[in-house]
Amino acid sequence: MRASDLERVKALPFFADVAPDTFRVATAGAHLQRFPAGTVLLLEGDPVDFLYVLLDGQVELHGTWNDRETVMAILRPVSTFILAAAVLDAEALMSARTLERCEILMIPGDAIRTAMRLDARFAMAVSRDLAGCYRGLVRTIKNHKLRNSTERLANYLLALRASDNSDGVVRLHHEKRVLASLLGMTPENLSRAFAALQQHGVSVNGAVVTLRNVAALEALAKPDPLIDNHAPRSGEIIADADAEIWSSERYRASSPDAVTSTGKRHG
């Protein structure tokens, strides 16, 4: 990588606290690459030779079975993906493709594993990232199992409003077909869910969604900090783990029954 690229990589949360020697080991075979929209980065079942770090653009993770396909996640910067497979030297459980032009850092999996053995701080950074991804997965499963399609869409719009620091107008970051699959519904069900939200002040014009009555939308959605993460993605909140820590701190501060790290309860 060029010297300017190395400086960018050093600034990533993944490498914020690692020793210089560890950084050299981890990035010796790494490279930054730009991919056009629609590029298949890897297929489920493939061996994972690299850890991917999304620096710019959007990547879709999806799974298939019996001629069916579902979107597992839509990633925005800065996100690592296929980290668990890289750590375990295992096959990918999901496929990945770019939704728009992307810039991605690719780090050899064997370099990641070597750096983890050499540097406990780097191993902690990897564990932190994995923990953020795991908690995000738990939130997604609870959301899909406990809510109907209209409630899922309502909470998605509220979370998007929070993450983008917007007021009453949000912009969908991907096609509605992709959004429908991400929320576990068909495109027809998504259209019906948007129609049902009209009486709660939601109107749609292409990719632009106007929330004219946020209070009414929240009354329907009933956002829950143990399901929904409303962390703004800006400043120091970059990775999923950062958002999880922010959400946990807010929950502890607002809930008299929340248990603190010392085991004591607030209130």
Protein backbone atom coordinates (compact mmCIF):
# COMPACT_ATOMS: atom_id res chain seq x y z
CA MET A 1 0.00 0.00 0.00
CA ARG A 2 1.03 3.60 -0.51
CA ALA A 3 2.22 5.58 2.49
CA SER A 4 -0.95 7.70 2.41
CA ASP A 5 -3.08 4.55 2.44
CA LEU A 6 -1.14 3.16 5.40
CA GLU A 7 -1.88 6.30 7.39
CA ARG A 8 -5.60 5.89 6.67
CA VAL A 9 -5.50 2.26 7.76
CA LYS A 10 -3.63 3.13 10.98
CA ALA A 11 -6.49 5.46 11.91
CA LEU A 12 -9.09 2.68 11.76
CA PRO A 13 -10.57 1.55 15.13
CA PHE A 14 -9.27 -1.93 14.39
CA PHE A 15 -5.65 -0.74 14.67
CA ALA A 16 -6.04 2.14 17.13
CA ASP A 17 -4.16 0.48 20.01
CA VAL A 18 -1.84 -2.05 18.37
CA ALA A 19 1.93 -2.07 18.52
CA PRO A 20 3.84 -0.93 15.39
CA ASP A 21 5.24 -4.43 14.86
CA THR A 22 1.73 -5.90 15.01
CA PHE A 23 0.51 -3.38 12.47
CA ARG A 24 3.31 -4.35 10.09
CA VAL A 25 2.52 -8.05 10.47
CA ALA A 26 -1.22 -7.55 9.95
CA THR A 27 -0.90 -5.31 6.91
CA ALA A 28 2.14 -6.80 5.17
CA GLY A 29 0.00 -8.46 2.51
CA ALA A 30 -2.96 -6.09 2.72
CA HIS A 31 -4.15 -3.88 -0.11
CA LEU A 32 -6.81 -1.29 -0.83
CA GLN A 33 -9.01 -2.01 -3.80
CA ARG A 34 -11.88 -0.22 -5.49
CA PHE A 35 -14.79 -2.23 -6.88
CA PRO A 36 -17.64 -1.12 -9.14
CA ALA A 37 -21.29 -1.64 -8.19
CA GLY A 38 -22.56 -5.18 -8.59
CA THR A 39 -19.21 -6.88 -7.94
CA VAL A 40 -19.43 -10.28 -6.23
CA LEU A 41 -16.70 -10.23 -3.61
CA LEU A 42 -17.14 -13.79 -2.39
CA LEU A 43 -19.70 -16.60 -2.38
CA GLU A 44 -21.00 -18.55 0.58
CA GLY A 45 -19.08 -21.78 0.92
CA ASP A 46 -15.88 -20.20 -0.41
CA PRO A 47 -12.73 -20.36 1.71
CA VAL A 48 -12.05 -16.96 3.28
CA ASP A 49 -8.57 -15.77 2.34
CA PHE A 50 -9.08 -12.15 3.39
CA LEU A 51 -10.77 -10.03 5.99
CA TYR A 52 -12.68 -7.22 4.29
CA VAL A 53 -12.94 -3.72 5.73
CA LEU A 54 -15.43 -1.45 3.99
CA LEU A 55 -14.08 2.11 3.85
CA ASP A 56 -16.46 3.64 1.30
CA GLY A 57 -19.70 2.57 -0.38
CA GLN A 58 -22.21 -0.13 0.54
CA VAL A 59 -21.95 -3.92 0.61
CA GLU A 60 -24.80 -6.42 0.76
CA LEU A 61 -24.38 -9.69 2.64
CA HIS A 62 -26.86 -12.36 1.56
CA GLY A 63 -27.57 -16.04 1.85
CA THR A 64 -29.25 -18.55 -0.45
CA TRP A 65 -31.03 -21.85 -0.07
CA ASN A 66 -33.18 -23.92 -2.44
CA ASP A 67 -33.35 -21.15 -5.09
CA ARG A 68 -34.24 -18.56 -2.45
CA GLU A 69 -32.14 -15.55 -1.49
CA THR A 70 -32.31 -13.23 1.50
CA VAL A 71 -30.39 -10.12 2.51
CA MET A 72 -28.64 -10.64 5.84
CA ALA A 73 -27.15 -7.17 6.26
CA ILE A 74 -26.34 -3.95 4.45
CA LEU A 75 -22.95 -2.58 5.48
CA ARG A 76 -21.87 1.04 5.45
CA PRO A 77 -18.45 2.42 6.39
CA VAL A 78 -16.58 1.61 8.49
CA SER A 79 -17.44 -2.09 8.70
CA THR A 80 -15.48 -5.33 8.79
CA PHE A 81 -17.11 -8.39 7.30
CA ILE A 82 -16.41 -12.11 7.20
CA LEU A 83 -14.30 -11.54 10.34
CA ALA A 84 -15.53 -14.67 12.14
CA ALA A 85 -14.61 -16.85 9.17
CA ALA A 86 -11.20 -15.16 8.93
CA VAL A 87 -10.50 -15.80 12.62
CA LEU A 88 -11.57 -19.45 12.40
CA ASP A 89 -10.07 -20.04 8.93
CA ALA A 90 -13.52 -21.30 7.93
CA GLU A 91 -15.75 -21.07 4.89
CA ALA A 92 -17.97 -18.04 4.34
CA LEU A 93 -21.56 -18.49 5.50
CA MET A 94 -22.71 -15.50 3.43
CA SER A 95 -22.07 -14.07 0.00
CA ALA A 96 -21.03 -10.44 -0.44
CA ARG A 97 -21.53 -8.01 -3.31
CA THR A 98 -21.16 -4.29 -3.74
CA LEU A 99 -24.29 -2.16 -4.07
CA GLU A 100 -22.33 0.84 -5.30
CA ARG A 101 -18.75 1.76 -6.01
CA CYS A 102 -16.77 0.65 -2.96
CA GLU A 103 -13.33 1.05 -1.49
CA ILE A 104 -12.34 -2.01 0.53
CA LEU A 105 -9.27 -2.90 2.55
CA MET A 106 -8.38 -6.58 2.17
CA ILE A 107 -6.20 -8.13 4.89
CA PRO A 108 -4.96 -11.74 4.56
CA GLY A 109 -6.67 -14.03 7.06
CA ASP A 110 -3.41 -15.70 8.09
CA ALA A 111 -1.96 -12.27 8.92
CA ILE A 112 -4.96 -11.52 11.15
CA ARG A 113 -4.53 -14.80 13.02
CA THR A 114 -0.79 -14.28 13.42
CA ALA A 115 -1.26 -10.73 14.71
CA MET A 116 -3.85 -11.95 17.22
CA ARG A 117 -1.35 -14.45 18.62
CA LEU A 118 1.38 -11.82 18.83
CA ASP A 119 -0.52 -8.94 20.38
CA ALA A 120 -3.20 -9.22 23.06
CA ARG A 121 -4.33 -5.67 22.30
CA PHE A 122 -5.03 -6.59 18.71
CA ALA A 123 -6.83 -9.75 19.84
CA MET A 124 -8.98 -7.54 22.06
CA ALA A 125 -9.72 -5.25 19.10
CA VAL A 126 -10.85 -8.27 17.06
CA SER A 127 -12.99 -9.53 19.97
CA ARG A 128 -14.55 -6.07 20.33
CA ASP A 129 -15.47 -6.02 16.66
CA LEU A 130 -16.91 -9.54 16.81
CA ALA A 131 -18.94 -8.60 19.89
CA GLY A 132 -20.42 -5.60 18.09
CA CYS A 133 -21.43 -7.79 15.15
CA TYR A 134 -22.89 -10.47 17.44
CA ARG A 135 -25.04 -7.98 19.34
CA GLY A 136 -26.26 -6.53 16.07
CA LEU A 137 -27.28 -10.03 14.98
CA VAL A 138 -29.21 -10.60 18.23
CA ARG A 139 -31.05 -7.31 17.69
CA THR A 140 -31.97 -8.36 14.15
CA ILE A 141 -33.30 -11.74 15.25
CA LYS A 142 -35.43 -10.19 18.01
CA ASN A 143 -36.73 -7.58 15.60
CA HIS A 144 -37.81 -10.20 13.05
CA LYS A 145 -39.34 -12.60 15.55
CA LEU A 146 -41.17 -10.13 17.81
CA ARG A 147 -42.56 -7.56 15.36
CA ASN A 148 -44.84 -7.52 12.38
CA SER A 149 -43.75 -6.02 9.05
CA THR A 150 -45.22 -2.56 9.71
CA GLU A 151 -43.52 -2.35 13.11
CA ARG A 152 -40.20 -3.45 11.61
CA LEU A 153 -40.40 -0.76 8.94
CA ALA A 154 -41.38 1.91 11.47
CA ASN A 155 -38.43 1.07 13.69
CA TYR A 156 -36.09 0.93 10.69
CA LEU A 157 -37.07 4.48 9.74
CA LEU A 158 -36.54 5.72 13.30
CA ALA A 159 -33.13 4.05 13.49
CA LEU A 160 -32.18 5.52 10.12
CA ARG A 161 -33.26 8.95 11.33
CA ALA A 162 -31.00 8.58 14.37
CA SER A 163 -27.97 7.15 12.59
CA ASP A 164 -28.03 9.84 9.91
CA ASN A 165 -28.70 12.68 12.39
CA SER A 166 -31.71 13.78 10.34
CA ASP A 167 -34.88 15.53 11.50
CA GLY A 168 -38.08 14.78 9.66
CA VAL A 169 -36.63 13.59 6.35
CA VAL A 170 -34.59 10.42 5.78
CA ARG A 171 -33.12 8.98 2.61
CA LEU A 172 -33.20 5.26 1.90
CA HIS A 173 -29.69 4.09 1.16
CA HIS A 174 -30.63 1.22 -1.13
CA GLU A 175 -33.37 -0.04 -3.42
CA LYS A 176 -36.72 -0.93 -1.89
CA ARG A 177 -36.31 -4.49 -3.16
CA VAL A 178 -33.15 -4.78 -1.04
CA LEU A 179 -34.81 -3.07 1.93
CA ALA A 180 -37.74 -5.49 1.78
CA SER A 181 -35.44 -8.50 1.93
CA LEU A 182 -33.39 -6.92 4.73
CA LEU A 183 -36.57 -6.49 6.80
CA GLY A 184 -37.77 -10.02 6.06
CA MET A 185 -40.68 -9.24 3.74
CA THR A 186 -41.62 -9.23 0.08
CA PRO A 187 -41.63 -6.00 -1.98
CA GLU A 188 -45.44 -6.15 -1.94
CA ASN A 189 -45.50 -6.36 1.86
CA LEU A 190 -43.09 -3.43 2.04
CA SER A 191 -45.43 -1.35 -0.09
CA ARG A 192 -48.33 -2.25 2.17
CA ALA A 193 -46.27 -1.38 5.25
CA PHE A 194 -45.43 2.05 3.82
CA ALA A 195 -49.13 2.55 3.04
CA ALA A 196 -50.05 1.62 6.62
CA LEU A 197 -47.57 4.20 7.94
CA GLN A 198 -49.23 7.03 6.03
CA GLN A 199 -51.74 7.51 8.86
CA HIS A 200 -48.74 7.93 11.18
CA GLY A 201 -47.31 10.81 9.16
CA VAL A 202 -45.00 8.90 6.79
CA SER A 203 -44.87 9.79 3.10
CA VAL A 204 -42.56 8.42 0.41
CA ASN A 205 -41.20 10.05 -2.73
CA GLY A 206 -38.69 7.73 -4.36
CA ALA A 207 -35.81 7.29 -1.92
CA VAL A 208 -36.89 10.23 0.24
CA VAL A 209 -39.12 9.45 3.23
CA THR A 210 -40.73 12.29 5.18
CA LEU A 211 -41.66 11.73 8.83
CA ARG A 212 -44.23 14.43 9.55
CA ASN A 213 -45.22 13.11 12.98
CA VAL A 214 -42.30 11.41 14.72
CA ALA A 215 -44.25 11.10 17.97
CA ALA A 216 -47.03 9.17 16.23
CA LEU A 217 -44.49 6.93 14.51
CA GLU A 218 -42.77 6.21 17.83
CA ALA A 219 -46.12 5.40 19.44
CA LEU A 220 -46.65 2.72 16.80
CA ALA A 221 -43.07 1.45 16.67
CA LYS A 222 -42.45 1.33 20.44
CA PRO A 223 -38.64 1.44 19.99
CA ASP A 224 -36.80 -0.64 22.57
CA PRO A 225 -33.12 -0.06 23.44
CA LEU A 226 -32.70 -3.82 23.86
CA ILE A 227 -33.71 -4.30 20.22
CA ASP A 228 -33.06 -1.02 18.44
CA ASN A 229 -29.80 0.87 18.26
CA HIS A 230 -30.32 4.60 17.74
CA ALA A 231 -26.66 5.59 17.87
CA PRO A 232 -25.75 8.47 15.55
CA ARG A 233 -23.01 7.34 13.18
CA SER A 234 -20.64 10.27 13.44
CA GLY A 235 -17.70 11.53 15.48
CA GLU A 236 -16.31 8.70 17.58
CA ILE A 237 -19.16 6.31 16.75
CA ILE A 238 -17.75 4.55 13.70
CA ALA A 239 -17.91 0.78 14.06
CA ASP A 240 -20.77 -1.45 15.24
CA ALA A 241 -19.01 -1.94 18.57
CA ASP A 242 -18.89 1.85 19.09
CA ALA A 243 -22.64 2.03 18.47
CA GLU A 244 -23.25 -0.84 20.89
CA ILE A 245 -21.27 0.86 23.67
CA TRP A 246 -23.15 4.13 23.06
CA SER A 247 -26.49 2.32 23.21
CA SER A 248 -25.55 0.44 26.39
CA GLU A 249 -24.45 3.62 28.14
CA ARG A 250 -27.69 5.36 27.19
CA TYR A 251 -29.71 2.38 28.45
CA ARG A 252 -27.92 2.33 31.80
CA ALA A 253 -28.40 6.06 32.21
CA SER A 254 -32.12 5.97 31.39
CA SER A 255 -33.22 2.73 33.09
CA PRO A 256 -33.40 2.56 36.90
CA ASP A 257 -33.36 -1.23 36.64
CA ALA A 258 -30.29 -1.51 34.43
CA VAL A 259 -27.35 -3.30 35.98
CA THR A 260 -24.05 -1.44 35.90
CA SER A 261 -20.65 -2.96 35.26
CA THR A 262 -20.12 -3.18 39.04
CA GLY A 263 -23.20 -5.34 39.46
CA LYS A 264 -25.17 -2.59 41.22
CA ARG A 265 -28.47 -1.27 40.00
CA HIS A 266 -29.25 2.33 39.29
CA GLY A 267 -31.94 4.00 41.36
